[in-house]
């Protein structure tokens, strides 16, 4: 069972970012987006492109599934 099951995508990204000891600014620089974009993703107000999703997973040493897989009742 996924340990992130009842946590939103934005929260999963934030947890992974903090776990990788990165600030929003540092992660944004590594991925090639603005700090505001990272903040919007973490707030659940922006859906990143697949390319950005892959880079976020890579930079946080997390799988794409762990970060972005939507569980059945997440958006009910």
PDB file of N, CA and C in Angstrom:
ATOM      1  N   UNK A   1       0.841  -1.186   0.000  1.00  0.00           N
ATOM      2  CA  UNK A   1       0.000   0.000   0.000  1.00  0.00           C
ATOM      3  C   UNK A   1       0.878   1.239   0.000  1.00  0.00           C
ATOM      4  N   UNK A   2       0.508   2.224  -0.771  1.00  0.00           N
ATOM      5  CA  UNK A   2       1.279   3.445  -0.872  1.00  0.00           C
ATOM      6  C   UNK A   2       1.218   4.233   0.434  1.00  0.00           C
ATOM      7  N   UNK A   3       2.373   4.605   0.968  1.00  0.00           N
ATOM      8  CA  UNK A   3       2.427   5.358   2.215  1.00  0.00           C
ATOM      9  C   UNK A   3       1.819   6.742   2.066  1.00  0.00           C
ATOM     10  N   UNK A   4       1.717   7.238   0.840  1.00  0.00           N
ATOM     11  CA  UNK A   4       1.184   8.569   0.577  1.00  0.00           C
ATOM     12  C   UNK A   4      -0.304   8.546   0.223  1.00  0.00           C
ATOM     13  N   UNK A   5      -1.009   7.448   0.455  1.00  0.00           N
ATOM     14  CA  UNK A   5      -2.360   7.245  -0.066  1.00  0.00           C
ATOM     15  C   UNK A   5      -3.301   8.420   0.172  1.00  0.00           C
ATOM     16  N   UNK A   6      -3.393   8.941   1.367  1.00  0.00           N
ATOM     17  CA  UNK A   6      -4.362   9.980   1.680  1.00  0.00           C
ATOM     18  C   UNK A   6      -3.752  11.381   1.722  1.00  0.00           C
ATOM     19  N   UNK A   7      -2.646  11.566   1.052  1.00  0.00           N
ATOM     20  CA  UNK A   7      -1.984  12.868   1.007  1.00  0.00           C
ATOM     21  C   UNK A   7      -2.094  13.391  -0.416  1.00  0.00           C
ATOM     22  N   UNK A   8      -2.437  14.662  -0.574  1.00  0.00           N
ATOM     23  CA  UNK A   8      -2.606  15.231  -1.911  1.00  0.00           C
ATOM     24  C   UNK A   8      -1.275  15.278  -2.656  1.00  0.00           C
ATOM     25  N   UNK A   9      -1.383  15.449  -3.968  1.00  0.00           N
ATOM     26  CA  UNK A   9      -0.192  15.532  -4.809  1.00  0.00           C
ATOM     27  C   UNK A   9       0.727  16.647  -4.331  1.00  0.00           C
ATOM     28  N   UNK A  10       0.151  17.820  -4.051  1.00  0.00           N
ATOM     29  CA  UNK A  10       0.958  18.945  -3.585  1.00  0.00           C
ATOM     30  C   UNK A  10       1.691  18.636  -2.303  1.00  0.00           C
ATOM     31  N   UNK A  11       1.011  17.979  -1.378  1.00  0.00           N
ATOM     32  CA  UNK A  11       1.656  17.619  -0.119  1.00  0.00           C
ATOM     33  C   UNK A  11       2.737  16.569  -0.326  1.00  0.00           C
ATOM     34  N   UNK A  12       2.502  15.655  -1.266  1.00  0.00           N
ATOM     35  CA  UNK A  12       3.531  14.644  -1.552  1.00  0.00           C
ATOM     36  C   UNK A  12       4.780  15.307  -2.107  1.00  0.00           C
ATOM     37  N   UNK A  13       4.586  16.300  -2.988  1.00  0.00           N
ATOM     38  CA  UNK A  13       5.738  17.010  -3.526  1.00  0.00           C
ATOM     39  C   UNK A  13       6.465  17.745  -2.419  1.00  0.00           C
ATOM     40  N   UNK A  14       5.728  18.424  -1.561  1.00  0.00           N
ATOM     41  CA  UNK A  14       6.369  19.166  -0.466  1.00  0.00           C
ATOM     42  C   UNK A  14       7.146  18.220   0.448  1.00  0.00           C
ATOM     43  N   UNK A  15       6.537  17.110   0.824  1.00  0.00           N
ATOM     44  CA  UNK A  15       7.226  16.141   1.690  1.00  0.00           C
ATOM     45  C   UNK A  15       8.494  15.607   1.021  1.00  0.00           C
ATOM     46  N   UNK A  16       8.404  15.324  -0.266  1.00  0.00           N
ATOM     47  CA  UNK A  16       9.568  14.818  -0.993  1.00  0.00           C
ATOM     48  C   UNK A  16      10.646  15.884  -1.117  1.00  0.00           C
ATOM     49  N   UNK A  17      10.230  17.123  -1.358  1.00  0.00           N
ATOM     50  CA  UNK A  17      11.185  18.237  -1.471  1.00  0.00           C
ATOM     51  C   UNK A  17      11.913  18.454  -0.148  1.00  0.00           C
ATOM     52  N   UNK A  18      11.153  18.499   0.942  1.00  0.00           N
ATOM     53  CA  UNK A  18      11.755  18.687   2.262  1.00  0.00           C
ATOM     54  C   UNK A  18      12.653  17.497   2.603  1.00  0.00           C
ATOM     55  N   UNK A  19      12.206  16.292   2.249  1.00  0.00           N
ATOM     56  CA  UNK A  19      13.010  15.091   2.479  1.00  0.00           C
ATOM     57  C   UNK A  19      14.326  15.113   1.716  1.00  0.00           C
ATOM     58  N   UNK A  20      14.329  15.791   0.572  1.00  0.00           N
ATOM     59  CA  UNK A  20      15.551  15.934  -0.235  1.00  0.00           C
ATOM     60  C   UNK A  20      16.362  17.150   0.217  1.00  0.00           C
ATOM     61  N   UNK A  21      15.903  17.805   1.278  1.00  0.00           N
ATOM     62  CA  UNK A  21      16.578  18.983   1.853  1.00  0.00           C
ATOM     63  C   UNK A  21      16.716  20.108   0.820  1.00  0.00           C
ATOM     64  N   UNK A  22      15.605  20.368   0.114  1.00  0.00           N
ATOM     65  CA  UNK A  22      15.584  21.418  -0.899  1.00  0.00           C
ATOM     66  C   UNK A  22      14.528  22.464  -0.550  1.00  0.00           C
ATOM     67  N   UNK A  23      14.851  23.726  -0.794  1.00  0.00           N
ATOM     68  CA  UNK A  23      13.851  24.778  -0.689  1.00  0.00           C
ATOM     69  C   UNK A  23      13.052  24.803  -1.985  1.00  0.00           C
ATOM     70  N   UNK A  24      11.946  25.525  -1.992  1.00  0.00           N
ATOM     71  CA  UNK A  24      11.200  25.683  -3.233  1.00  0.00           C
ATOM     72  C   UNK A  24      12.094  26.312  -4.306  1.00  0.00           C
ATOM     73  N   UNK A  25      12.866  27.300  -3.933  1.00  0.00           N
ATOM     74  CA  UNK A  25      13.757  27.991  -4.876  1.00  0.00           C
ATOM     75  C   UNK A  25      14.802  27.039  -5.453  1.00  0.00           C
ATOM     76  N   UNK A  26      15.417  26.223  -4.601  1.00  0.00           N
ATOM     77  CA  UNK A  26      16.432  25.273  -5.073  1.00  0.00           C
ATOM     78  C   UNK A  26      15.832  24.255  -6.038  1.00  0.00           C
ATOM     79  N   UNK A  27      14.666  23.727  -5.681  1.00  0.00           N
ATOM     80  CA  UNK A  27      14.015  22.748  -6.552  1.00  0.00           C
ATOM     81  C   UNK A  27      13.623  23.400  -7.875  1.00  0.00           C
ATOM     82  N   UNK A  28      13.090  24.593  -7.810  1.00  0.00           N
ATOM     83  CA  UNK A  28      12.705  25.315  -9.020  1.00  0.00           C
ATOM     84  C   UNK A  28      13.908  25.520  -9.938  1.00  0.00           C
ATOM     85  N   UNK A  29      15.039  25.929  -9.383  1.00  0.00           N
ATOM     86  CA  UNK A  29      16.253  26.136 -10.178  1.00  0.00           C
ATOM     87  C   UNK A  29      16.702  24.845 -10.848  1.00  0.00           C
ATOM     88  N   UNK A  30      16.641  23.748 -10.127  1.00  0.00           N
ATOM     89  CA  UNK A  30      17.076  22.458 -10.685  1.00  0.00           C
ATOM     90  C   UNK A  30      16.158  21.970 -11.806  1.00  0.00           C
ATOM     91  N   UNK A  31      14.864  22.303 -11.676  1.00  0.00           N
ATOM     92  CA  UNK A  31      13.875  21.822 -12.639  1.00  0.00           C
ATOM     93  C   UNK A  31      13.704  22.796 -13.810  1.00  0.00           C
ATOM     94  N   UNK A  32      14.058  24.049 -13.583  1.00  0.00           N
ATOM     95  CA  UNK A  32      13.933  25.049 -14.641  1.00  0.00           C
ATOM     96  C   UNK A  32      12.593  25.758 -14.669  1.00  0.00           C
ATOM     97  N   UNK A  33      11.986  25.904 -13.489  1.00  0.00           N
ATOM     98  CA  UNK A  33      10.735  26.649 -13.356  1.00  0.00           C
ATOM     99  C   UNK A  33      10.935  27.716 -12.279  1.00  0.00           C
ATOM    100  N   UNK A  34       9.912  28.520 -12.034  1.00  0.00           N
ATOM    101  CA  UNK A  34      10.021  29.532 -10.989  1.00  0.00           C
ATOM    102  C   UNK A  34       9.649  28.945  -9.630  1.00  0.00           C
ATOM    103  N   UNK A  35      10.067  29.625  -8.584  1.00  0.00           N
ATOM    104  CA  UNK A  35       9.694  29.218  -7.235  1.00  0.00           C
ATOM    105  C   UNK A  35       8.171  29.273  -7.091  1.00  0.00           C
ATOM    106  N   UNK A  36       7.553  30.251  -7.736  1.00  0.00           N
ATOM    107  CA  UNK A  36       6.100  30.380  -7.678  1.00  0.00           C
ATOM    108  C   UNK A  36       5.415  29.150  -8.273  1.00  0.00           C
ATOM    109  N   UNK A  37       5.990  28.590  -9.326  1.00  0.00           N
ATOM    110  CA  UNK A  37       5.425  27.380  -9.930  1.00  0.00           C
ATOM    111  C   UNK A  37       5.448  26.224  -8.939  1.00  0.00           C
ATOM    112  N   UNK A  38       6.560  26.056  -8.243  1.00  0.00           N
ATOM    113  CA  UNK A  38       6.645  24.992  -7.228  1.00  0.00           C
ATOM    114  C   UNK A  38       5.591  25.239  -6.150  1.00  0.00           C
ATOM    115  N   UNK A  39       5.451  26.485  -5.713  1.00  0.00           N
ATOM    116  CA  UNK A  39       4.443  26.822  -4.711  1.00  0.00           C
ATOM    117  C   UNK A  39       3.033  26.512  -5.179  1.00  0.00           C
ATOM    118  N   UNK A  40       2.736  26.815  -6.443  1.00  0.00           N
ATOM    119  CA  UNK A  40       1.408  26.530  -6.988  1.00  0.00           C
ATOM    120  C   UNK A  40       1.148  25.032  -7.098  1.00  0.00           C
ATOM    121  N   UNK A  41       2.162  24.273  -7.490  1.00  0.00           N
ATOM    122  CA  UNK A  41       2.010  22.808  -7.551  1.00  0.00           C
ATOM    123  C   UNK A  41       1.741  22.270  -6.146  1.00  0.00           C
ATOM    124  N   UNK A  42       2.517  22.733  -5.178  1.00  0.00           N
ATOM    125  CA  UNK A  42       2.341  22.273  -3.796  1.00  0.00           C
ATOM    126  C   UNK A  42       0.982  22.687  -3.233  1.00  0.00           C
ATOM    127  N   UNK A  43       0.441  23.804  -3.705  1.00  0.00           N
ATOM    128  CA  UNK A  43      -0.871  24.268  -3.248  1.00  0.00           C
ATOM    129  C   UNK A  43      -2.023  23.598  -4.007  1.00  0.00           C
ATOM    130  N   UNK A  44      -1.684  22.783  -5.008  1.00  0.00           N
ATOM    131  CA  UNK A  44      -2.708  22.107  -5.779  1.00  0.00           C
ATOM    132  C   UNK A  44      -3.415  23.006  -6.781  1.00  0.00           C
ATOM    133  N   UNK A  45      -2.745  24.095  -7.177  1.00  0.00           N
ATOM    134  CA  UNK A  45      -3.358  25.061  -8.086  1.00  0.00           C
ATOM    135  C   UNK A  45      -2.744  25.071  -9.478  1.00  0.00           C
ATOM    136  N   UNK A  46      -1.842  24.140  -9.742  1.00  0.00           N
ATOM    137  CA  UNK A  46      -1.193  24.087 -11.048  1.00  0.00           C
ATOM    138  C   UNK A  46      -0.848  22.644 -11.366  1.00  0.00           C
ATOM    139  N   UNK A  47      -1.160  22.228 -12.587  1.00  0.00           N
ATOM    140  CA  UNK A  47      -0.813  20.881 -13.045  1.00  0.00           C
ATOM    141  C   UNK A  47       0.391  20.985 -13.972  1.00  0.00           C
ATOM    142  N   UNK A  48       1.529  20.475 -13.540  1.00  0.00           N
ATOM    143  CA  UNK A  48       2.738  20.587 -14.355  1.00  0.00           C
ATOM    144  C   UNK A  48       2.715  19.651 -15.560  1.00  0.00           C
ATOM    145  N   UNK A  49       3.550  19.983 -16.536  1.00  0.00           N
ATOM    146  CA  UNK A  49       3.711  19.113 -17.703  1.00  0.00           C
ATOM    147  C   UNK A  49       4.381  17.815 -17.284  1.00  0.00           C
ATOM    148  N   UNK A  50       4.302  16.832 -18.152  1.00  0.00           N
ATOM    149  CA  UNK A  50       4.954  15.555 -17.876  1.00  0.00           C
ATOM    150  C   UNK A  50       6.452  15.745 -17.691  1.00  0.00           C
ATOM    151  N   UNK A  51       7.062  16.605 -18.508  1.00  0.00           N
ATOM    152  CA  UNK A  51       8.490  16.866 -18.392  1.00  0.00           C
ATOM    153  C   UNK A  51       8.829  17.401 -17.002  1.00  0.00           C
ATOM    154  N   UNK A  52       8.046  18.354 -16.520  1.00  0.00           N
ATOM    155  CA  UNK A  52       8.294  18.915 -15.181  1.00  0.00           C
ATOM    156  C   UNK A  52       8.058  17.850 -14.115  1.00  0.00           C
ATOM    157  N   UNK A  53       7.027  17.046 -14.275  1.00  0.00           N
ATOM    158  CA  UNK A  53       6.771  15.951 -13.319  1.00  0.00           C
ATOM    159  C   UNK A  53       7.965  15.008 -13.228  1.00  0.00           C
ATOM    160  N   UNK A  54       8.493  14.631 -14.379  1.00  0.00           N
ATOM    161  CA  UNK A  54       9.651  13.731 -14.398  1.00  0.00           C
ATOM    162  C   UNK A  54      10.859  14.369 -13.713  1.00  0.00           C
ATOM    163  N   UNK A  55      11.091  15.643 -13.984  1.00  0.00           N
ATOM    164  CA  UNK A  55      12.223  16.337 -13.360  1.00  0.00           C
ATOM    165  C   UNK A  55      12.028  16.477 -11.850  1.00  0.00           C
ATOM    166  N   UNK A  56      10.816  16.760 -11.424  1.00  0.00           N
ATOM    167  CA  UNK A  56      10.539  16.851  -9.984  1.00  0.00           C
ATOM    168  C   UNK A  56      10.810  15.512  -9.301  1.00  0.00           C
ATOM    169  N   UNK A  57      10.354  14.437  -9.912  1.00  0.00           N
ATOM    170  CA  UNK A  57      10.605  13.108  -9.345  1.00  0.00           C
ATOM    171  C   UNK A  57      12.102  12.824  -9.285  1.00  0.00           C
ATOM    172  N   UNK A  58      12.800  13.129 -10.356  1.00  0.00           N
ATOM    173  CA  UNK A  58      14.250  12.893 -10.409  1.00  0.00           C
ATOM    174  C   UNK A  58      14.971  13.684  -9.312  1.00  0.00           C
ATOM    175  N   UNK A  59      14.666  14.966  -9.214  1.00  0.00           N
ATOM    176  CA  UNK A  59      15.373  15.842  -8.271  1.00  0.00           C
ATOM    177  C   UNK A  59      15.041  15.553  -6.814  1.00  0.00           C
ATOM    178  N   UNK A  60      13.893  14.951  -6.550  1.00  0.00           N
ATOM    179  CA  UNK A  60      13.536  14.602  -5.168  1.00  0.00           C
ATOM    180  C   UNK A  60      13.799  13.131  -4.864  1.00  0.00           C
ATOM    181  N   UNK A  61      14.417  12.429  -5.840  1.00  0.00           N
ATOM    182  CA  UNK A  61      14.738  11.015  -5.670  1.00  0.00           C
ATOM    183  C   UNK A  61      13.488  10.206  -5.311  1.00  0.00           C
ATOM    184  N   UNK A  62      12.416  10.499  -6.029  1.00  0.00           N
ATOM    185  CA  UNK A  62      11.123   9.874  -5.805  1.00  0.00           C
ATOM    186  C   UNK A  62      10.613   9.341  -7.135  1.00  0.00           C
ATOM    187  N   UNK A  63       9.825   8.292  -7.096  1.00  0.00           N
ATOM    188  CA  UNK A  63       9.261   7.791  -8.354  1.00  0.00           C
ATOM    189  C   UNK A  63       8.102   8.684  -8.791  1.00  0.00           C
ATOM    190  N   UNK A  64       7.840   8.672 -10.067  1.00  0.00           N
ATOM    191  CA  UNK A  64       6.729   9.436 -10.623  1.00  0.00           C
ATOM    192  C   UNK A  64       5.408   8.987  -9.987  1.00  0.00           C
ATOM    193  N   UNK A  65       5.249   7.694  -9.795  1.00  0.00           N
ATOM    194  CA  UNK A  65       4.042   7.167  -9.155  1.00  0.00           C
ATOM    195  C   UNK A  65       3.878   7.703  -7.734  1.00  0.00           C
ATOM    196  N   UNK A  66       4.949   7.717  -6.971  1.00  0.00           N
ATOM    197  CA  UNK A  66       4.860   8.193  -5.587  1.00  0.00           C
ATOM    198  C   UNK A  66       4.433   9.650  -5.516  1.00  0.00           C
ATOM    199  N   UNK A  67       4.901  10.453  -6.461  1.00  0.00           N
ATOM    200  CA  UNK A  67       4.561  11.875  -6.440  1.00  0.00           C
ATOM    201  C   UNK A  67       3.194  12.184  -7.037  1.00  0.00           C
ATOM    202  N   UNK A  68       2.848  11.546  -8.148  1.00  0.00           N
ATOM    203  CA  UNK A  68       1.719  12.029  -8.919  1.00  0.00           C
ATOM    204  C   UNK A  68       0.587  11.036  -9.160  1.00  0.00           C
ATOM    205  N   UNK A  69       0.679   9.828  -8.651  1.00  0.00           N
ATOM    206  CA  UNK A  69      -0.409   8.883  -8.877  1.00  0.00           C
ATOM    207  C   UNK A  69      -1.601   9.308  -8.039  1.00  0.00           C
ATOM    208  N   UNK A  70      -2.736   9.519  -8.684  1.00  0.00           N
ATOM    209  CA  UNK A  70      -3.945   9.951  -8.000  1.00  0.00           C
ATOM    210  C   UNK A  70      -4.674   8.716  -7.502  1.00  0.00           C
ATOM    211  N   UNK A  71      -4.943   8.702  -6.203  1.00  0.00           N
ATOM    212  CA  UNK A  71      -5.696   7.584  -5.639  1.00  0.00           C
ATOM    213  C   UNK A  71      -7.187   7.816  -5.853  1.00  0.00           C
ATOM    214  N   UNK A  72      -7.934   6.762  -5.786  1.00  0.00           N
ATOM    215  CA  UNK A  72      -9.344   6.766  -6.167  1.00  0.00           C
ATOM    216  C   UNK A  72     -10.172   7.901  -5.563  1.00  0.00           C
ATOM    217  N   UNK A  73     -10.054   8.150  -4.273  1.00  0.00           N
ATOM    218  CA  UNK A  73     -10.905   9.143  -3.627  1.00  0.00           C
ATOM    219  C   UNK A  73     -10.208  10.463  -3.328  1.00  0.00           C
ATOM    220  N   UNK A  74      -9.074  10.709  -3.944  1.00  0.00           N
ATOM    221  CA  UNK A  74      -8.313  11.925  -3.638  1.00  0.00           C
ATOM    222  C   UNK A  74      -9.038  13.199  -4.034  1.00  0.00           C
ATOM    223  N   UNK A  75      -9.801  13.144  -5.117  1.00  0.00           N
ATOM    224  CA  UNK A  75     -10.455  14.355  -5.601  1.00  0.00           C
ATOM    225  C   UNK A  75     -11.973  14.245  -5.601  1.00  0.00           C
ATOM    226  N   UNK A  76     -12.536  13.469  -4.687  1.00  0.00           N
ATOM    227  CA  UNK A  76     -14.000  13.368  -4.566  1.00  0.00           C
ATOM    228  C   UNK A  76     -14.578  14.639  -3.982  1.00  0.00           C
TER     229      UNK A  76
END
